Protein backbone atom coordinates (compact mmCIF):
# COMPACT_ATOMS: atom_id res chain seq x y z
CA MET A 1 27.47 2.43 -13.86
CA LYS A 2 23.96 1.79 -15.59
CA LEU A 3 20.95 -0.69 -15.11
CA VAL A 4 17.86 -1.34 -16.93
CA THR A 5 14.83 -1.66 -14.80
CA VAL A 6 11.92 -3.88 -16.26
CA VAL A 7 8.41 -3.05 -15.15
CA GLY A 8 4.89 -3.69 -16.29
CA ASN A 9 2.15 -3.80 -13.57
CA ARG A 10 0.88 -2.38 -10.49
CA PRO A 11 3.04 -3.87 -7.73
CA GLN A 12 6.49 -3.24 -9.90
CA PHE A 13 5.63 0.46 -10.05
CA ILE A 14 5.14 0.83 -6.35
CA LYS A 15 8.23 -1.42 -5.47
CA SER A 16 10.20 0.33 -7.83
CA ALA A 17 9.71 3.80 -6.45
CA PRO A 18 11.82 3.68 -3.41
CA VAL A 19 14.46 1.85 -5.41
CA SER A 20 14.72 4.48 -8.17
CA VAL A 21 15.25 7.08 -5.50
CA ALA A 22 17.86 5.08 -3.88
CA LEU A 23 19.69 4.60 -7.26
CA ARG A 24 19.62 8.03 -8.15
CA GLU A 25 21.11 9.00 -4.84
CA ALA A 26 23.80 6.51 -5.31
CA GLY A 27 24.76 7.81 -8.66
CA ILE A 28 23.48 4.68 -10.64
CA GLU A 29 21.95 5.38 -14.05
CA GLU A 30 18.58 3.75 -14.31
CA VAL A 31 16.88 3.17 -17.68
CA VAL A 32 13.07 2.11 -17.13
CA VAL A 33 11.49 -0.23 -19.54
CA HIS A 34 7.72 -0.40 -19.15
CA THR A 35 6.47 -3.62 -20.92
CA GLY A 36 2.88 -2.37 -21.00
CA GLN A 37 1.37 -5.35 -19.33
CA HIS A 38 -0.95 -3.06 -17.47
CA TYR A 39 -1.91 -0.60 -19.96
CA ASP A 40 -5.11 1.21 -18.52
CA ARG A 41 -4.18 4.61 -17.07
CA GLU A 42 -5.55 3.76 -13.41
CA LEU A 43 -3.17 0.73 -13.37
CA SER A 44 -0.28 2.25 -14.91
CA ASP A 45 0.71 5.96 -15.76
CA ILE A 46 -1.22 7.12 -12.71
CA PHE A 47 1.71 5.46 -10.48
CA PHE A 48 4.33 7.36 -12.28
CA GLU A 49 2.34 10.63 -11.80
CA GLU A 50 1.63 10.03 -8.09
CA LEU A 51 4.90 8.29 -6.92
CA GLY A 52 7.23 10.67 -8.91
CA LEU A 53 8.83 7.91 -10.63
CA PRO A 54 11.31 8.77 -13.60
CA ALA A 55 9.38 8.63 -16.83
CA PRO A 56 10.08 5.16 -18.77
CA ARG A 57 12.58 5.77 -21.51
CA HIS A 58 10.84 2.81 -23.40
CA ARG A 59 7.44 2.20 -23.52
CA LEU A 60 6.65 -1.08 -25.12
CA ASP A 61 2.73 -0.74 -25.02
CA LEU A 62 2.68 -4.68 -25.62
CA HIS A 63 -0.69 -4.82 -23.98
CA THR A 64 -0.08 -8.70 -23.38
CA ALA A 65 0.66 -10.82 -20.30
CA ASP A 66 2.45 -13.48 -22.36
CA PRO A 67 6.12 -13.26 -21.39
CA GLU A 68 7.25 -14.84 -24.66
CA ALA A 69 5.33 -12.22 -26.69
CA MET A 70 7.20 -9.46 -24.55
CA ARG A 71 10.52 -11.08 -24.56
CA PRO A 72 11.93 -10.06 -28.06
CA ALA A 73 11.07 -6.20 -27.60
CA ILE A 74 12.57 -6.33 -24.28
CA ALA A 75 15.65 -7.99 -25.15
CA ASP A 76 16.08 -5.34 -28.17
CA ARG A 77 16.01 -2.27 -25.57
CA ILE A 78 18.36 -4.15 -23.50
CA ARG A 79 20.85 -4.73 -26.13
CA ALA A 80 20.32 -1.15 -27.38
CA GLU A 81 21.06 0.28 -23.95
CA ALA A 82 23.99 -2.01 -23.01
CA PRO A 83 23.45 -1.65 -19.24
CA ASP A 84 25.46 -3.54 -16.56
CA LEU A 85 22.76 -5.31 -15.05
CA VAL A 86 18.62 -5.85 -15.49
CA LEU A 87 16.82 -5.35 -12.57
CA VAL A 88 13.44 -7.16 -12.23
CA TYR A 89 10.79 -7.15 -9.42
CA GLY A 90 8.63 -9.85 -7.73
CA ASP A 91 6.83 -12.75 -9.79
CA THR A 92 4.68 -11.36 -12.68
CA HIS A 93 4.81 -12.04 -16.43
CA SER A 94 6.70 -8.97 -16.90
CA THR A 95 9.49 -10.08 -14.33
CA LEU A 96 9.73 -13.57 -16.10
CA ALA A 97 9.94 -11.87 -19.64
CA GLY A 98 12.57 -9.30 -18.45
CA ALA A 99 14.65 -12.06 -16.91
CA ARG A 100 14.60 -14.08 -19.94
CA ALA A 101 15.18 -11.12 -22.25
CA ALA A 102 18.21 -10.35 -20.14
CA GLY A 103 19.57 -13.73 -20.91
CA ASP A 104 18.90 -13.13 -24.52
CA ALA A 105 20.83 -10.13 -24.40
CA ALA A 106 23.77 -11.87 -22.27
CA VAL A 107 23.20 -9.20 -19.21
CA PRO A 108 23.20 -9.98 -15.75
CA VAL A 109 19.97 -10.20 -13.60
CA ALA A 110 19.22 -8.79 -10.32
CA HIS A 111 15.75 -10.02 -8.66
CA VAL A 112 14.18 -8.00 -5.95
CA GLU A 113 11.94 -10.23 -3.77
CA ALA A 114 13.95 -13.30 -4.30
CA GLY A 115 13.45 -16.53 -2.39
CA LEU A 116 9.53 -16.28 -1.97
CA ARG A 117 7.57 -19.41 -2.11
CA SER A 118 4.10 -20.36 -1.55
CA GLY A 119 4.37 -24.06 -2.37
CA ASP A 120 1.74 -24.20 -4.73
CA LEU A 121 3.11 -24.66 -8.28
CA ALA A 122 -0.18 -24.31 -9.87
CA MET A 123 0.27 -20.48 -9.47
CA PRO A 124 2.02 -18.85 -12.53
CA GLU A 125 3.69 -16.58 -9.98
CA GLU A 126 5.36 -19.48 -8.39
CA ARG A 127 6.68 -20.87 -11.28
CA ALA A 128 8.03 -17.62 -12.17
CA ARG A 129 9.82 -16.91 -8.86
CA ILE A 130 11.60 -20.40 -9.25
CA GLU A 131 12.48 -19.63 -12.72
CA VAL A 132 13.89 -16.09 -12.12
CA ASP A 133 15.81 -16.95 -8.84
CA ARG A 134 17.69 -19.67 -11.05
CA VAL A 135 18.97 -17.43 -13.46
CA SER A 136 19.83 -14.30 -11.37
CA TRP A 137 23.10 -13.16 -10.43
CA LEU A 138 22.01 -10.98 -7.49
CA LEU A 139 19.13 -12.24 -5.35
CA PHE A 140 17.69 -9.57 -2.86
CA CYS A 141 15.61 -11.27 -0.46
CA PRO A 142 13.12 -9.78 2.00
CA ASP A 143 13.83 -12.08 4.80
CA TYR A 144 16.04 -14.90 6.15
CA ARG A 145 13.30 -17.38 5.22
CA SER A 146 13.90 -16.42 1.65
CA ARG A 147 17.49 -16.82 1.95
CA GLU A 148 17.16 -20.43 3.51
CA THR A 149 14.98 -21.46 0.62
CA LEU A 150 17.52 -20.30 -1.95
CA GLU A 151 20.27 -22.07 -0.26
CA ARG A 152 18.21 -25.31 -0.16
CA GLU A 153 17.53 -24.80 -3.88
CA GLY A 154 21.21 -24.31 -4.51
CA VAL A 155 20.82 -21.14 -6.63
CA LEU A 156 24.09 -20.09 -8.16
CA GLY A 157 23.69 -16.34 -7.70
CA ARG A 158 24.70 -14.17 -4.62
CA ILE A 159 22.04 -13.87 -2.05
CA HIS A 160 21.52 -10.64 -0.02
CA VAL A 161 18.88 -10.24 2.87
CA VAL A 162 17.97 -6.46 2.43
CA GLY A 163 14.29 -6.36 3.87
CA ASP A 164 11.27 -5.71 1.76
CA VAL A 165 11.13 -2.59 -0.76
CA MET A 166 7.41 -2.49 -0.17
CA ALA A 167 7.87 -1.78 3.52
CA ASP A 168 9.99 1.29 2.22
CA ALA A 169 7.09 2.39 -0.04
CA ALA A 170 4.54 1.84 2.68
CA ARG A 171 6.25 3.99 5.35
CA ARG A 172 7.28 6.73 2.66
CA PHE A 173 3.75 7.12 1.22
CA VAL A 174 1.01 6.13 3.89
CA ARG A 175 0.92 9.83 5.53
CA ILE A 176 0.79 11.51 2.14
CA ALA A 177 -1.97 9.15 1.11
CA ARG A 178 -4.02 9.80 4.05
CA GLU A 179 -3.44 13.64 3.61
CA ARG A 180 -4.18 13.76 0.03
CA PHE A 181 -7.09 11.20 -0.07
CA PRO A 182 -8.73 11.53 3.18
CA VAL A 183 -11.54 8.19 3.52
CA PRO A 184 -15.15 8.97 2.95
CA HIS A 185 -16.03 6.46 5.67
CA GLU A 186 -15.51 6.13 9.36
CA PRO A 187 -12.09 4.46 10.03
CA ARG A 188 -12.59 0.80 10.71
CA SER A 189 -16.22 0.70 9.63
CA TYR A 190 -15.78 -1.18 6.43
CA VAL A 191 -14.04 -4.08 4.54
CA LEU A 192 -11.87 -3.35 1.62
CA ALA A 193 -11.75 -6.12 -0.89
CA THR A 194 -9.72 -6.63 -4.04
CA VAL A 195 -9.76 -9.66 -6.50
CA HIS A 196 -7.52 -9.90 -9.47
CA ARG A 197 -5.50 -13.04 -9.87
CA GLU A 198 -6.10 -15.09 -12.79
CA ALA A 199 -7.49 -18.09 -10.71
CA ASN A 200 -10.04 -16.20 -8.89
CA VAL A 201 -11.51 -14.18 -11.85
CA PHE A 202 -13.22 -17.18 -13.56
CA GLN A 203 -15.88 -19.65 -12.50
CA PRO A 204 -16.60 -21.39 -10.20
CA ARG A 205 -14.04 -19.62 -8.01
CA LEU A 206 -15.29 -15.94 -8.82
CA GLY A 207 -18.73 -16.97 -7.94
CA ARG A 208 -18.07 -18.40 -4.67
CA ILE A 209 -15.89 -15.28 -3.79
CA VAL A 210 -18.93 -13.19 -4.59
CA ALA A 211 -21.24 -15.40 -2.49
CA GLY A 212 -18.96 -14.80 0.47
CA LEU A 213 -18.68 -11.03 -0.05
CA ASN A 214 -22.39 -10.76 -0.39
CA ARG A 215 -22.84 -12.57 2.95
CA LEU A 216 -20.51 -10.06 4.97
CA ALA A 217 -22.31 -7.89 7.64
CA GLU A 218 -20.20 -4.82 6.88
CA PRO A 219 -19.96 -2.39 4.21
CA VAL A 220 -17.72 -3.55 1.45
CA VAL A 221 -15.64 -1.19 -0.72
CA PHE A 222 -14.40 -3.02 -3.95
CA PRO A 223 -11.76 -1.62 -6.17
CA ALA A 224 -12.64 -3.77 -9.17
CA HIS A 225 -9.50 -4.88 -11.57
CA PRO A 226 -10.88 -4.38 -15.27
CA ARG A 227 -10.72 -8.09 -15.83
CA THR A 228 -12.61 -8.99 -12.51
CA ARG A 229 -15.43 -6.29 -13.23
CA ASP A 230 -15.93 -7.90 -17.00
CA GLN A 231 -16.14 -11.18 -15.60
CA ILE A 232 -18.71 -10.46 -12.76
CA ALA A 233 -20.91 -8.89 -15.63
CA GLN A 234 -20.19 -11.51 -18.14
CA GLU A 235 -21.21 -14.42 -15.75
CA GLY A 236 -24.15 -12.35 -14.49
CA LEU A 237 -23.25 -12.22 -10.88
CA ALA A 238 -24.82 -9.90 -8.71
CA LEU A 239 -23.13 -8.20 -5.69
CA GLY A 240 -25.03 -7.15 -2.46
CA PRO A 241 -26.20 -3.63 -1.99
CA HIS A 242 -23.69 -3.31 0.81
CA VAL A 243 -20.77 -4.18 -1.84
CA ARG A 244 -19.71 -0.86 -3.29
CA VAL A 245 -17.97 -1.24 -6.70
CA VAL A 246 -15.33 1.34 -7.59
CA GLU A 247 -12.91 1.93 -10.33
CA PRO A 248 -9.12 0.84 -9.85
CA LEU A 249 -7.63 3.24 -7.61
CA GLY A 250 -4.29 4.88 -7.63
CA TYR A 251 -1.58 3.66 -5.22
CA LEU A 252 -2.09 6.65 -2.55
CA GLU A 253 -5.81 6.46 -2.59
CA LEU A 254 -5.93 2.70 -2.19
CA ALA A 255 -3.19 2.92 0.72
CA SER A 256 -5.29 5.49 2.34
CA LEU A 257 -8.50 3.22 1.98
CA ALA A 258 -6.67 0.16 3.23
CA SER A 259 -4.81 1.72 6.24
CA SER A 260 -8.33 2.84 7.54
CA ALA A 261 -10.25 -0.45 6.85
CA ARG A 262 -11.30 -3.00 9.68
CA VAL A 263 -10.30 -6.01 7.27
CA ILE A 264 -8.88 -6.34 4.04
CA VAL A 265 -10.13 -9.24 2.07
CA THR A 266 -7.68 -9.93 -0.82
CA ASP A 267 -5.77 -12.23 -3.33
CA SER A 268 -2.84 -9.84 -3.62
CA GLY A 269 0.46 -10.61 -2.24
CA GLY A 270 1.37 -7.03 -1.60
CA LEU A 271 -1.78 -6.09 0.06
CA GLN A 272 -1.43 -8.86 2.66
CA LYS A 273 2.03 -7.39 3.81
CA GLU A 274 0.57 -3.79 3.60
CA ALA A 275 -2.28 -4.81 5.70
CA TYR A 276 0.09 -6.01 8.30
CA TRP A 277 2.26 -2.86 8.34
CA TYR A 278 -1.13 -0.76 8.50
CA GLY A 279 -2.18 -2.82 11.49
CA VAL A 280 -5.30 -4.07 9.62
CA PRO A 281 -6.03 -7.96 9.85
CA CYS A 282 -6.25 -9.69 6.39
CA VAL A 283 -8.38 -12.40 4.92
CA THR A 284 -6.63 -14.11 1.74
CA LEU A 285 -8.64 -15.62 -1.06
CA ARG A 286 -5.94 -18.02 -1.75
CA PRO A 287 -5.08 -21.65 -0.55
CA SER A 288 -1.56 -20.61 0.15
CA THR A 289 0.87 -17.58 0.69
CA GLU A 290 4.47 -16.65 0.19
CA TRP A 291 4.07 -14.36 3.19
CA VAL A 292 3.87 -17.36 5.89
CA ASP A 293 4.77 -15.19 8.71
CA THR A 294 1.81 -12.91 8.55
CA VAL A 295 -0.33 -16.03 9.01
CA LEU A 296 1.62 -17.31 11.73
CA THR A 297 1.31 -14.26 13.80
CA GLY A 298 -2.41 -14.53 13.48
CA ALA A 299 -2.43 -11.35 11.35
CA ASN A 300 -3.60 -13.06 8.23
CA VAL A 301 -6.10 -16.02 7.47
CA LEU A 302 -6.19 -18.19 4.37
CA VAL A 303 -9.77 -19.14 3.18
CA ASP A 304 -9.20 -20.04 -0.49
CA ASP A 305 -12.55 -19.54 -2.29
CA ASP A 306 -14.66 -20.99 0.59
CA PRO A 307 -17.65 -18.48 1.34
CA ASP A 308 -18.29 -19.72 4.69
CA ALA A 309 -14.64 -19.57 5.68
CA LEU A 310 -14.66 -16.05 4.30
CA VAL A 311 -17.59 -14.99 6.33
CA ASP A 312 -16.35 -16.50 9.65
CA ALA A 313 -12.77 -15.24 9.27
CA VAL A 314 -13.89 -11.53 8.43
CA SER A 315 -16.13 -11.62 11.41
CA LYS A 316 -13.35 -12.85 13.75
CA ALA A 317 -10.47 -10.99 12.18
CA ARG A 318 -8.22 -9.11 14.75
CA MET A 319 -4.69 -8.16 14.73
CA PRO A 320 -2.41 -9.89 17.27
CA GLU A 321 -1.91 -7.87 20.40
CA ARG A 322 1.96 -8.22 20.03
CA ALA A 323 2.60 -8.18 16.34
CA PRO A 324 6.38 -8.66 15.62
CA ALA A 325 8.21 -6.28 13.05
CA LEU A 326 8.25 -8.27 9.80
CA TYR A 327 10.00 -7.85 6.49
CA GLY A 328 12.44 -5.24 7.28
CA ASP A 329 12.93 -1.61 8.53
CA GLY A 330 12.01 0.41 5.63
CA HIS A 331 15.71 0.91 4.23
CA ALA A 332 15.79 -1.91 1.87
CA SER A 333 16.17 0.23 -1.18
CA GLU A 334 19.42 1.81 0.17
CA ARG A 335 20.82 -1.57 0.85
CA ILE A 336 20.01 -2.72 -2.66
CA ALA A 337 21.99 0.50 -3.92
CA GLN A 338 24.86 -0.35 -1.77
CA VAL A 339 25.00 -4.10 -2.90
CA LEU A 340 24.87 -2.82 -6.37
CA LEU A 341 27.72 -0.24 -6.11
CA ALA A 342 29.97 -2.77 -4.49
CA THR A 343 29.30 -5.75 -6.85
CA MET A 344 28.01 -4.65 -10.11
CA PRO A 345 30.16 -5.93 -13.19
CA GLY A 346 32.85 -3.42 -14.28
CA ARG A 347 33.23 -2.09 -10.96
C-alpha cells in the first residue's frame, strides 16, 4: 500500500509530521513530494530537520505559488510512483496543484482539513478548499461542522470526522519546544504578531496593520515572512521601537514563543487554533475565519485591517473562563491511518 503526499509550505510540513508517523506505524508506504512553494530554508528545510519528517523523495524546487505551474511536475512524479492515493493538506496553492495533478494522473485524492469554509470567496484559500473537496475521494474533517458543510454541498467523496492533525502536532511538540527554545521574555508580557496572507502584505491593508501594531501598549515580537518584510521596506513603513522584527522562526521556536505570549495577533489559520490550544487569546487580521468556534467561544476576535479595532481587541483580549475542547483529542493522525487501511483502493 502506497501513497504520495504533496507538501509545499510551512503549515503542511507541520500537519504532515504526526500523520507521517501514523502512516509508518500502520505499515503504509509514504512518498513525499515537496513542491518548493516555500523555498527559504527558514520556511522549508528546517521543518524536516526539527520535526523528524522523512526526507522528500522528490524536491521539485519550483519556487512558485502558481498551481498551474506546479501541476505538470507533480503529475509526472505521481505517474512515476504509481501510488494508490495522493494525500493533500489544507488550502494552499500546493494543495490545489497536488489535487489537480492527481486528477491528471488518474489517482484518487484524500484531503486533510476538508470542509472548512470562511464564507469569503475573495480568499484564494476558500476557492482552493471548495475545488479540492469536490474532487476528493476521501475527505478528512476536523469537526462535525465541516462534515455538515460538505453534506450541504453534496460532495461525492467519503466523509470522515477525525479531528484536527494540528492538534496532534501541537500536543506532541509544545513541551519539546519550550525545553529546546526557552523564551527570552517574561511569560505573558508580550504580543506575538504574524502577517503573511497575500491580501495583507500590500497597501493599503499592510499600512493599516502596521499602524495598529505601532499603537499597541505592549512589546510586540514580529517574526516577519520574507514577503512581508520586503513590502514593509518597499513601502517605507516604519515600525515602532516596541515592535521587534525577527527572522522567520522554525516551528518549535514559534510554538515556544506563541504558547508564552499574552496575545497572538495573526492572519494565519493554523495559529488561530494553536493559540486556543495554548490558552492564549487571539486577534485575527481577517474579516472572516474558517475556525468559527474560536470566535464563538470568545477566544478569538476578528478585526480585519482596522487599526482601532486591533488596539481595542488586544487590550481586552482574554481567554474564556470555561474554554471547551475544540477540534479533536490529539489522535486524528491515527484515525486517518485507520481509514486508509480500511478503504484505500486495492485493499
